[in-house]
Amino acid sequence: MLSQNHTIRPAKLPDDAERILEVFAAAKAIMVADGNTKQWINGYPSLEAVSADIERNESFVVEDDGRIVAYFAFLPSPEPTYATIYDGKWVDDTLPYHVIHRIASFPEVHGIFQNIMEFCFAHDRNIRIDTHRDNRIMQHNILKHGFQYCGIILLANGDERLAYQKII
C-alpha cells in the first residue's frame, strides 16, 4: 500500500513530459546541493531516455493527489552494464531480476523511495539498483531498504557506479 495519497502509473508522452523534466531538474538540484556534481550532467536524464523507457513499457510516475511528484524506470533483466561486476559479486547471478533506474522526485515529497520499492517488489522479488559514488542520499535510501552492496559496475561510457541487490 502506498504512503499518503501516492499512486504509481505508467508515464505518458507528451502529456507528462513537462512535469517529468521538472522532477529531473529538482532532483539534480538536490544532488548538487549535497555535493553530487558529477551525476546526471550534460542533459541526462533526457526526454529521449524517458521516451525509450515508455516505448518499452518501463517508465513510471508517482502522483500525489493526481500531480506528478516522482519518476522512475523499472527494467527487466538483463542489464548489459551489470554483466561484469568489479570488487565484489552479485547476491545471486543466476536468477532473472529487474533494475530500477532514474529515480527522481521533488524534495518536499516524502516516502517516494518506499513507494517505489513497494511497487517494484510487488512485481519482482529480485531487484538490482546502482548509483554514483557521490550520491550519498541514494546510497542511504538503498541501504535503509535492505539492499546489499555488491561491487562496482561500469556504465556504457565507462563511468563507475556502486551496485546493489536485494532478493526477498
N, C-alpha and C. Protein backbone atom coordinates (compact mmCIF):
# COMPACT_ATOMS: atom_id res chain seq x y z
N MET A 1 0.85 -1.18 0.00
CA MET A 1 0.00 0.00 0.00
C MET A 1 0.89 1.25 0.00
N LEU A 2 0.58 2.19 -0.86
CA LEU A 2 1.40 3.38 -0.98
C LEU A 2 1.13 4.37 0.14
N SER A 3 2.19 5.07 0.54
CA SER A 3 2.08 6.07 1.59
C SER A 3 1.27 7.25 1.11
N GLN A 4 0.65 7.91 2.05
CA GLN A 4 -0.08 9.15 1.80
C GLN A 4 -1.08 8.96 0.66
N ASN A 5 -1.09 9.89 -0.29
CA ASN A 5 -2.01 9.81 -1.42
C ASN A 5 -1.28 9.50 -2.72
N HIS A 6 -0.20 8.72 -2.62
CA HIS A 6 0.62 8.42 -3.79
C HIS A 6 0.04 7.26 -4.60
N THR A 7 0.07 7.45 -5.91
CA THR A 7 -0.27 6.37 -6.83
C THR A 7 0.84 6.28 -7.86
N ILE A 8 1.04 5.10 -8.40
CA ILE A 8 2.04 4.89 -9.44
C ILE A 8 1.32 4.42 -10.69
N ARG A 9 1.71 5.04 -11.81
CA ARG A 9 1.12 4.67 -13.08
C ARG A 9 2.18 4.79 -14.18
N PRO A 10 1.95 4.14 -15.33
CA PRO A 10 2.88 4.31 -16.44
C PRO A 10 2.93 5.76 -16.89
N ALA A 11 4.12 6.22 -17.26
CA ALA A 11 4.28 7.58 -17.78
C ALA A 11 3.75 7.63 -19.20
N LYS A 12 3.30 8.83 -19.60
CA LYS A 12 2.76 9.03 -20.95
C LYS A 12 3.39 10.28 -21.56
N LEU A 13 3.76 10.16 -22.81
CA LEU A 13 4.23 11.33 -23.56
C LEU A 13 3.20 11.63 -24.63
N PRO A 14 2.94 12.86 -24.95
CA PRO A 14 3.62 14.05 -24.44
C PRO A 14 3.02 14.60 -23.14
N ASP A 15 1.92 14.01 -22.67
CA ASP A 15 1.19 14.55 -21.53
C ASP A 15 2.06 14.84 -20.30
N ASP A 16 2.97 13.91 -19.97
CA ASP A 16 3.74 14.02 -18.74
C ASP A 16 5.11 14.66 -18.92
N ALA A 17 5.49 14.97 -20.14
CA ALA A 17 6.86 15.39 -20.45
C ALA A 17 7.33 16.58 -19.61
N GLU A 18 6.57 17.65 -19.60
CA GLU A 18 7.00 18.86 -18.89
C GLU A 18 7.19 18.59 -17.41
N ARG A 19 6.27 17.89 -16.82
CA ARG A 19 6.35 17.62 -15.38
C ARG A 19 7.52 16.69 -15.05
N ILE A 20 7.77 15.68 -15.88
CA ILE A 20 8.91 14.78 -15.65
C ILE A 20 10.21 15.57 -15.71
N LEU A 21 10.34 16.47 -16.66
CA LEU A 21 11.55 17.29 -16.75
C LEU A 21 11.70 18.18 -15.52
N GLU A 22 10.59 18.68 -14.97
CA GLU A 22 10.64 19.46 -13.73
C GLU A 22 11.13 18.60 -12.56
N VAL A 23 10.66 17.35 -12.51
CA VAL A 23 11.10 16.42 -11.47
C VAL A 23 12.60 16.19 -11.59
N PHE A 24 13.10 15.96 -12.81
CA PHE A 24 14.54 15.76 -13.01
C PHE A 24 15.33 16.99 -12.56
N ALA A 25 14.85 18.17 -12.92
CA ALA A 25 15.55 19.40 -12.53
C ALA A 25 15.61 19.53 -11.01
N ALA A 26 14.53 19.21 -10.33
CA ALA A 26 14.52 19.28 -8.87
C ALA A 26 15.48 18.26 -8.27
N ALA A 27 15.50 17.06 -8.82
CA ALA A 27 16.41 16.02 -8.33
C ALA A 27 17.87 16.41 -8.54
N LYS A 28 18.16 17.00 -9.70
CA LYS A 28 19.53 17.45 -9.96
C LYS A 28 19.93 18.52 -8.95
N ALA A 29 19.03 19.42 -8.63
CA ALA A 29 19.33 20.47 -7.66
C ALA A 29 19.63 19.87 -6.28
N ILE A 30 18.89 18.84 -5.90
CA ILE A 30 19.12 18.15 -4.63
C ILE A 30 20.52 17.53 -4.63
N MET A 31 20.86 16.88 -5.73
CA MET A 31 22.17 16.22 -5.81
C MET A 31 23.30 17.24 -5.72
N VAL A 32 23.18 18.32 -6.47
CA VAL A 32 24.23 19.34 -6.45
C VAL A 32 24.37 19.95 -5.06
N ALA A 33 23.25 20.24 -4.41
CA ALA A 33 23.28 20.82 -3.06
C ALA A 33 23.95 19.88 -2.06
N ASP A 34 23.90 18.56 -2.34
CA ASP A 34 24.51 17.57 -1.45
C ASP A 34 25.94 17.23 -1.86
N GLY A 35 26.47 17.94 -2.86
CA GLY A 35 27.85 17.72 -3.28
C GLY A 35 28.03 16.73 -4.41
N ASN A 36 26.93 16.25 -4.96
CA ASN A 36 26.99 15.29 -6.07
C ASN A 36 26.87 16.09 -7.37
N THR A 37 28.00 16.55 -7.88
CA THR A 37 28.00 17.42 -9.06
C THR A 37 28.38 16.69 -10.35
N LYS A 38 28.69 15.39 -10.26
CA LYS A 38 29.16 14.66 -11.44
C LYS A 38 28.14 13.69 -12.01
N GLN A 39 27.03 13.51 -11.33
CA GLN A 39 25.99 12.59 -11.81
C GLN A 39 24.89 13.41 -12.48
N TRP A 40 24.27 12.85 -13.47
CA TRP A 40 23.17 13.48 -14.18
C TRP A 40 23.60 14.84 -14.74
N ILE A 41 24.60 14.80 -15.60
CA ILE A 41 25.10 16.01 -16.24
C ILE A 41 24.92 15.90 -17.75
N ASN A 42 25.21 16.97 -18.45
CA ASN A 42 25.15 17.01 -19.92
C ASN A 42 23.78 16.60 -20.47
N GLY A 43 22.73 17.09 -19.80
CA GLY A 43 21.38 16.85 -20.30
C GLY A 43 20.77 15.52 -19.93
N TYR A 44 21.44 14.75 -19.11
CA TYR A 44 20.90 13.45 -18.66
C TYR A 44 20.26 13.64 -17.29
N PRO A 45 19.15 12.96 -17.04
CA PRO A 45 18.34 12.16 -17.96
C PRO A 45 17.52 13.07 -18.87
N SER A 46 17.35 12.64 -20.06
CA SER A 46 16.68 13.44 -21.09
C SER A 46 15.29 12.90 -21.38
N LEU A 47 14.55 13.70 -22.12
CA LEU A 47 13.23 13.26 -22.57
C LEU A 47 13.37 12.05 -23.51
N GLU A 48 14.49 11.96 -24.22
CA GLU A 48 14.74 10.80 -25.08
C GLU A 48 14.86 9.53 -24.25
N ALA A 49 15.53 9.61 -23.10
CA ALA A 49 15.65 8.44 -22.22
C ALA A 49 14.26 8.03 -21.70
N VAL A 50 13.47 9.01 -21.33
CA VAL A 50 12.10 8.73 -20.86
C VAL A 50 11.29 8.11 -21.98
N SER A 51 11.41 8.66 -23.18
CA SER A 51 10.68 8.14 -24.33
C SER A 51 11.05 6.69 -24.60
N ALA A 52 12.32 6.37 -24.50
CA ALA A 52 12.77 4.98 -24.69
C ALA A 52 12.19 4.09 -23.60
N ASP A 53 12.17 4.57 -22.35
CA ASP A 53 11.56 3.81 -21.26
C ASP A 53 10.08 3.56 -21.54
N ILE A 54 9.40 4.58 -22.02
CA ILE A 54 7.96 4.46 -22.30
C ILE A 54 7.71 3.45 -23.42
N GLU A 55 8.51 3.51 -24.47
CA GLU A 55 8.34 2.58 -25.59
C GLU A 55 8.47 1.13 -25.14
N ARG A 56 9.27 0.89 -24.11
CA ARG A 56 9.46 -0.47 -23.58
C ARG A 56 8.51 -0.77 -22.42
N ASN A 57 7.57 0.13 -22.14
CA ASN A 57 6.63 -0.01 -21.01
C ASN A 57 7.36 -0.15 -19.68
N GLU A 58 8.43 0.65 -19.50
CA GLU A 58 9.26 0.58 -18.30
C GLU A 58 9.37 1.92 -17.59
N SER A 59 8.47 2.83 -17.86
CA SER A 59 8.54 4.20 -17.37
C SER A 59 7.34 4.48 -16.47
N PHE A 60 7.61 5.00 -15.26
CA PHE A 60 6.53 5.21 -14.30
C PHE A 60 6.64 6.57 -13.63
N VAL A 61 5.50 7.11 -13.27
CA VAL A 61 5.44 8.32 -12.47
C VAL A 61 4.71 8.02 -11.17
N VAL A 62 5.09 8.76 -10.14
CA VAL A 62 4.38 8.70 -8.87
C VAL A 62 3.58 9.99 -8.77
N GLU A 63 2.31 9.85 -8.49
CA GLU A 63 1.44 11.01 -8.35
C GLU A 63 1.03 11.17 -6.89
N ASP A 64 0.88 12.40 -6.49
CA ASP A 64 0.36 12.76 -5.18
C ASP A 64 -0.89 13.59 -5.43
N ASP A 65 -2.04 13.04 -5.12
CA ASP A 65 -3.31 13.69 -5.41
C ASP A 65 -3.41 14.11 -6.88
N GLY A 66 -2.96 13.24 -7.78
CA GLY A 66 -3.08 13.47 -9.22
C GLY A 66 -1.98 14.32 -9.83
N ARG A 67 -1.03 14.77 -9.05
CA ARG A 67 0.06 15.61 -9.55
C ARG A 67 1.36 14.80 -9.53
N ILE A 68 2.08 14.77 -10.64
CA ILE A 68 3.33 14.00 -10.73
C ILE A 68 4.36 14.60 -9.79
N VAL A 69 4.91 13.74 -8.91
CA VAL A 69 5.92 14.19 -7.95
C VAL A 69 7.22 13.39 -8.06
N ALA A 70 7.21 12.32 -8.87
CA ALA A 70 8.41 11.49 -8.99
C ALA A 70 8.36 10.68 -10.28
N TYR A 71 9.53 10.17 -10.65
CA TYR A 71 9.69 9.36 -11.86
C TYR A 71 10.68 8.24 -11.55
N PHE A 72 10.49 7.09 -12.21
CA PHE A 72 11.49 6.03 -12.18
C PHE A 72 11.26 5.09 -13.36
N ALA A 73 12.33 4.38 -13.71
CA ALA A 73 12.26 3.35 -14.74
C ALA A 73 12.45 2.00 -14.06
N PHE A 74 11.71 1.00 -14.51
CA PHE A 74 11.75 -0.35 -13.93
C PHE A 74 11.91 -1.33 -15.07
N LEU A 75 13.13 -1.83 -15.24
CA LEU A 75 13.50 -2.62 -16.42
C LEU A 75 13.78 -4.08 -16.08
N PRO A 76 13.32 -5.00 -16.92
CA PRO A 76 13.64 -6.41 -16.70
C PRO A 76 15.08 -6.71 -17.12
N SER A 77 15.62 -7.76 -16.53
CA SER A 77 16.97 -8.19 -16.90
C SER A 77 16.95 -8.78 -18.31
N PRO A 78 18.12 -8.85 -18.94
CA PRO A 78 19.42 -8.49 -18.39
C PRO A 78 19.75 -7.02 -18.62
N GLU A 79 20.47 -6.45 -17.70
CA GLU A 79 21.02 -5.10 -17.83
C GLU A 79 22.46 -5.27 -18.31
N PRO A 80 22.77 -4.85 -19.53
CA PRO A 80 24.11 -5.09 -20.08
C PRO A 80 25.26 -4.59 -19.20
N THR A 81 25.07 -3.45 -18.53
CA THR A 81 26.16 -2.92 -17.70
C THR A 81 26.36 -3.73 -16.42
N TYR A 82 25.47 -4.65 -16.12
CA TYR A 82 25.59 -5.49 -14.93
C TYR A 82 26.25 -6.83 -15.23
N ALA A 83 26.63 -7.08 -16.47
CA ALA A 83 27.23 -8.36 -16.85
C ALA A 83 28.55 -8.60 -16.12
N THR A 84 29.30 -7.53 -15.89
CA THR A 84 30.56 -7.64 -15.17
C THR A 84 30.51 -6.73 -13.95
N ILE A 85 30.87 -7.29 -12.81
CA ILE A 85 30.91 -6.51 -11.57
C ILE A 85 32.32 -6.63 -11.00
N TYR A 86 32.85 -5.50 -10.54
CA TYR A 86 34.21 -5.44 -10.03
C TYR A 86 34.21 -5.28 -8.52
N ASP A 87 35.26 -5.79 -7.89
CA ASP A 87 35.46 -5.65 -6.44
C ASP A 87 34.27 -6.17 -5.65
N GLY A 88 33.68 -7.26 -6.09
CA GLY A 88 32.56 -7.86 -5.39
C GLY A 88 31.85 -8.86 -6.27
N LYS A 89 30.63 -9.19 -5.88
CA LYS A 89 29.80 -10.10 -6.67
C LYS A 89 28.34 -9.88 -6.32
N TRP A 90 27.47 -10.27 -7.25
CA TRP A 90 26.03 -10.16 -7.01
C TRP A 90 25.61 -11.15 -5.93
N VAL A 91 24.55 -10.83 -5.20
CA VAL A 91 24.00 -11.74 -4.21
C VAL A 91 23.63 -13.04 -4.90
N ASP A 92 22.99 -12.94 -6.06
CA ASP A 92 22.69 -14.09 -6.91
C ASP A 92 22.87 -13.64 -8.35
N ASP A 93 23.58 -14.43 -9.12
CA ASP A 93 23.84 -14.07 -10.51
C ASP A 93 23.20 -15.05 -11.48
N THR A 94 22.22 -15.82 -11.00
CA THR A 94 21.58 -16.80 -11.88
C THR A 94 20.10 -16.50 -12.13
N LEU A 95 19.45 -15.87 -11.19
CA LEU A 95 18.01 -15.60 -11.29
C LEU A 95 17.73 -14.37 -12.15
N PRO A 96 16.60 -14.35 -12.85
CA PRO A 96 16.17 -13.11 -13.52
C PRO A 96 15.95 -12.03 -12.46
N TYR A 97 16.04 -10.79 -12.88
CA TYR A 97 15.90 -9.67 -11.95
C TYR A 97 15.32 -8.47 -12.70
N HIS A 98 14.96 -7.46 -11.95
CA HIS A 98 14.59 -6.16 -12.51
C HIS A 98 15.59 -5.13 -11.99
N VAL A 99 15.70 -4.04 -12.72
CA VAL A 99 16.60 -2.94 -12.37
C VAL A 99 15.76 -1.67 -12.23
N ILE A 100 16.08 -0.88 -11.22
CA ILE A 100 15.45 0.43 -11.06
C ILE A 100 16.46 1.49 -11.47
N HIS A 101 16.08 2.34 -12.40
CA HIS A 101 16.93 3.43 -12.86
C HIS A 101 16.18 4.76 -12.77
N ARG A 102 16.93 5.84 -12.77
CA ARG A 102 16.42 7.20 -12.91
C ARG A 102 15.35 7.58 -11.88
N ILE A 103 15.56 7.21 -10.63
CA ILE A 103 14.64 7.65 -9.58
C ILE A 103 14.85 9.15 -9.35
N ALA A 104 13.77 9.90 -9.41
CA ALA A 104 13.83 11.34 -9.20
C ALA A 104 12.53 11.79 -8.56
N SER A 105 12.65 12.77 -7.65
CA SER A 105 11.43 13.30 -7.03
C SER A 105 11.66 14.74 -6.59
N PHE A 106 10.57 15.38 -6.25
CA PHE A 106 10.65 16.71 -5.67
C PHE A 106 11.08 16.55 -4.20
N PRO A 107 11.90 17.46 -3.68
CA PRO A 107 12.42 17.30 -2.32
C PRO A 107 11.37 17.41 -1.23
N GLU A 108 10.30 18.10 -1.49
CA GLU A 108 9.28 18.29 -0.44
C GLU A 108 8.34 17.10 -0.29
N VAL A 109 8.44 16.13 -1.19
CA VAL A 109 7.55 14.96 -1.14
C VAL A 109 8.30 13.82 -0.46
N HIS A 110 7.70 13.25 0.55
CA HIS A 110 8.36 12.21 1.33
C HIS A 110 7.73 10.84 1.09
N GLY A 111 8.51 9.80 1.32
CA GLY A 111 8.02 8.44 1.18
C GLY A 111 8.10 7.88 -0.23
N ILE A 112 8.69 8.63 -1.15
CA ILE A 112 8.74 8.21 -2.54
C ILE A 112 9.55 6.94 -2.72
N PHE A 113 10.75 6.88 -2.15
CA PHE A 113 11.60 5.70 -2.32
C PHE A 113 10.88 4.46 -1.79
N GLN A 114 10.23 4.58 -0.64
CA GLN A 114 9.47 3.47 -0.07
C GLN A 114 8.35 3.04 -1.03
N ASN A 115 7.63 4.01 -1.57
CA ASN A 115 6.55 3.69 -2.51
C ASN A 115 7.08 2.94 -3.73
N ILE A 116 8.21 3.41 -4.27
CA ILE A 116 8.80 2.77 -5.44
C ILE A 116 9.23 1.34 -5.10
N MET A 117 9.82 1.15 -3.94
CA MET A 117 10.24 -0.20 -3.53
C MET A 117 9.04 -1.13 -3.39
N GLU A 118 7.97 -0.65 -2.78
CA GLU A 118 6.77 -1.47 -2.64
C GLU A 118 6.24 -1.88 -4.01
N PHE A 119 6.18 -0.95 -4.93
CA PHE A 119 5.70 -1.23 -6.28
C PHE A 119 6.60 -2.26 -6.97
N CYS A 120 7.90 -2.02 -6.93
CA CYS A 120 8.83 -2.89 -7.65
C CYS A 120 8.88 -4.30 -7.07
N PHE A 121 8.92 -4.40 -5.75
CA PHE A 121 8.97 -5.72 -5.13
C PHE A 121 7.64 -6.46 -5.25
N ALA A 122 6.56 -5.78 -5.54
CA ALA A 122 5.28 -6.45 -5.84
C ALA A 122 5.34 -7.11 -7.22
N HIS A 123 6.30 -6.68 -8.05
CA HIS A 123 6.43 -7.21 -9.41
C HIS A 123 7.60 -8.17 -9.58
N ASP A 124 8.59 -8.10 -8.70
CA ASP A 124 9.75 -8.98 -8.78
C ASP A 124 10.39 -9.05 -7.41
N ARG A 125 10.86 -10.23 -7.04
CA ARG A 125 11.49 -10.43 -5.74
C ARG A 125 12.99 -10.21 -5.78
N ASN A 126 13.55 -10.01 -6.97
CA ASN A 126 15.00 -9.86 -7.15
C ASN A 126 15.25 -8.54 -7.88
N ILE A 127 15.80 -7.57 -7.17
CA ILE A 127 15.96 -6.23 -7.75
C ILE A 127 17.40 -5.75 -7.55
N ARG A 128 17.90 -5.14 -8.62
CA ARG A 128 19.22 -4.51 -8.59
C ARG A 128 19.07 -3.02 -8.84
N ILE A 129 20.01 -2.26 -8.29
CA ILE A 129 20.00 -0.82 -8.44
C ILE A 129 21.45 -0.34 -8.33
N ASP A 130 21.75 0.79 -8.96
CA ASP A 130 23.10 1.34 -8.83
C ASP A 130 23.00 2.85 -8.67
N THR A 131 24.09 3.43 -8.19
CA THR A 131 24.13 4.87 -8.03
C THR A 131 25.57 5.37 -8.06
N HIS A 132 25.70 6.64 -8.24
CA HIS A 132 27.00 7.31 -8.27
C HIS A 132 27.63 7.31 -6.88
N ARG A 133 28.92 7.21 -6.82
CA ARG A 133 29.66 7.22 -5.56
C ARG A 133 29.36 8.47 -4.72
N ASP A 134 29.10 9.60 -5.38
CA ASP A 134 28.83 10.85 -4.67
C ASP A 134 27.36 11.02 -4.26
N ASN A 135 26.50 10.10 -4.67
CA ASN A 135 25.08 10.23 -4.36
C ASN A 135 24.79 9.58 -3.00
N ARG A 136 25.15 10.31 -1.96
CA ARG A 136 25.00 9.79 -0.59
C ARG A 136 23.54 9.61 -0.21
N ILE A 137 22.67 10.47 -0.71
CA ILE A 137 21.25 10.36 -0.38
C ILE A 137 20.70 9.04 -0.92
N MET A 138 21.01 8.71 -2.17
CA MET A 138 20.52 7.47 -2.76
C MET A 138 21.15 6.26 -2.07
N GLN A 139 22.43 6.33 -1.77
CA GLN A 139 23.09 5.22 -1.07
C GLN A 139 22.40 4.96 0.27
N HIS A 140 22.08 6.04 0.99
CA HIS A 140 21.39 5.91 2.28
C HIS A 140 20.04 5.20 2.10
N ASN A 141 19.26 5.65 1.12
CA ASN A 141 17.95 5.04 0.89
C ASN A 141 18.07 3.58 0.48
N ILE A 142 19.02 3.29 -0.39
CA ILE A 142 19.20 1.91 -0.86
C ILE A 142 19.52 0.99 0.33
N LEU A 143 20.48 1.38 1.14
CA LEU A 143 20.87 0.55 2.28
C LEU A 143 19.75 0.48 3.33
N LYS A 144 19.07 1.60 3.55
CA LYS A 144 17.97 1.65 4.52
C LYS A 144 16.87 0.65 4.15
N HIS A 145 16.72 0.39 2.85
CA HIS A 145 15.66 -0.51 2.40
C HIS A 145 16.16 -1.93 2.16
N GLY A 146 17.29 -2.27 2.76
CA GLY A 146 17.73 -3.66 2.82
C GLY A 146 18.53 -4.18 1.65
N PHE A 147 18.97 -3.31 0.77
CA PHE A 147 19.81 -3.77 -0.34
C PHE A 147 21.22 -4.05 0.19
N GLN A 148 21.89 -4.99 -0.46
CA GLN A 148 23.26 -5.32 -0.12
C GLN A 148 24.19 -4.74 -1.17
N TYR A 149 25.25 -4.07 -0.71
CA TYR A 149 26.26 -3.57 -1.63
C TYR A 149 26.97 -4.76 -2.25
N CYS A 150 27.11 -4.75 -3.59
CA CYS A 150 27.69 -5.89 -4.29
C CYS A 150 29.02 -5.59 -4.97
N GLY A 151 29.29 -4.36 -5.36
CA GLY A 151 30.52 -4.03 -6.04
C GLY A 151 30.32 -2.85 -6.98
N ILE A 152 31.19 -2.77 -7.97
CA ILE A 152 31.19 -1.66 -8.92
C ILE A 152 30.86 -2.17 -10.32
N ILE A 153 29.97 -1.46 -10.99
CA ILE A 153 29.69 -1.74 -12.40
C ILE A 153 30.13 -0.53 -13.21
N LEU A 154 30.34 -0.74 -14.49
CA LEU A 154 30.71 0.35 -15.37
C LEU A 154 29.59 0.62 -16.36
N LEU A 155 29.22 1.87 -16.50
CA LEU A 155 28.22 2.26 -17.49
C LEU A 155 28.83 2.12 -18.89
N ALA A 156 28.01 2.23 -19.90
CA ALA A 156 28.48 2.11 -21.28
C ALA A 156 29.57 3.13 -21.60
N ASN A 157 29.50 4.31 -20.95
CA ASN A 157 30.51 5.35 -21.21
C ASN A 157 31.76 5.18 -20.35
N GLY A 158 31.79 4.13 -19.51
CA GLY A 158 32.96 3.86 -18.67
C GLY A 158 32.87 4.41 -17.26
N ASP A 159 31.86 5.23 -16.96
CA ASP A 159 31.70 5.76 -15.60
C ASP A 159 31.34 4.62 -14.65
N GLU A 160 31.89 4.68 -13.43
CA GLU A 160 31.59 3.64 -12.46
C GLU A 160 30.36 3.99 -11.64
N ARG A 161 29.69 2.94 -11.17
CA ARG A 161 28.55 3.09 -10.28
C ARG A 161 28.63 2.01 -9.20
N LEU A 162 28.15 2.35 -8.01
CA LEU A 162 28.05 1.39 -6.92
C LEU A 162 26.79 0.57 -7.15
N ALA A 163 26.93 -0.75 -7.08
CA ALA A 163 25.82 -1.65 -7.42
C ALA A 163 25.31 -2.40 -6.18
N TYR A 164 23.99 -2.57 -6.14
CA TYR A 164 23.33 -3.19 -5.00
C TYR A 164 22.29 -4.19 -5.50
N GLN A 165 21.95 -5.14 -4.64
CA GLN A 165 20.91 -6.12 -4.98
C GLN A 165 20.15 -6.50 -3.72
N LYS A 166 18.87 -6.78 -3.90
CA LYS A 166 18.04 -7.28 -2.80
C LYS A 166 17.13 -8.36 -3.37
N ILE A 167 17.09 -9.48 -2.66
CA ILE A 167 16.19 -10.57 -3.02
C ILE A 167 15.32 -10.86 -1.81
N ILE A 168 13.99 -10.89 -2.04
CA ILE A 168 13.09 -11.24 -0.93
C ILE A 168 12.40 -12.56 -1.23
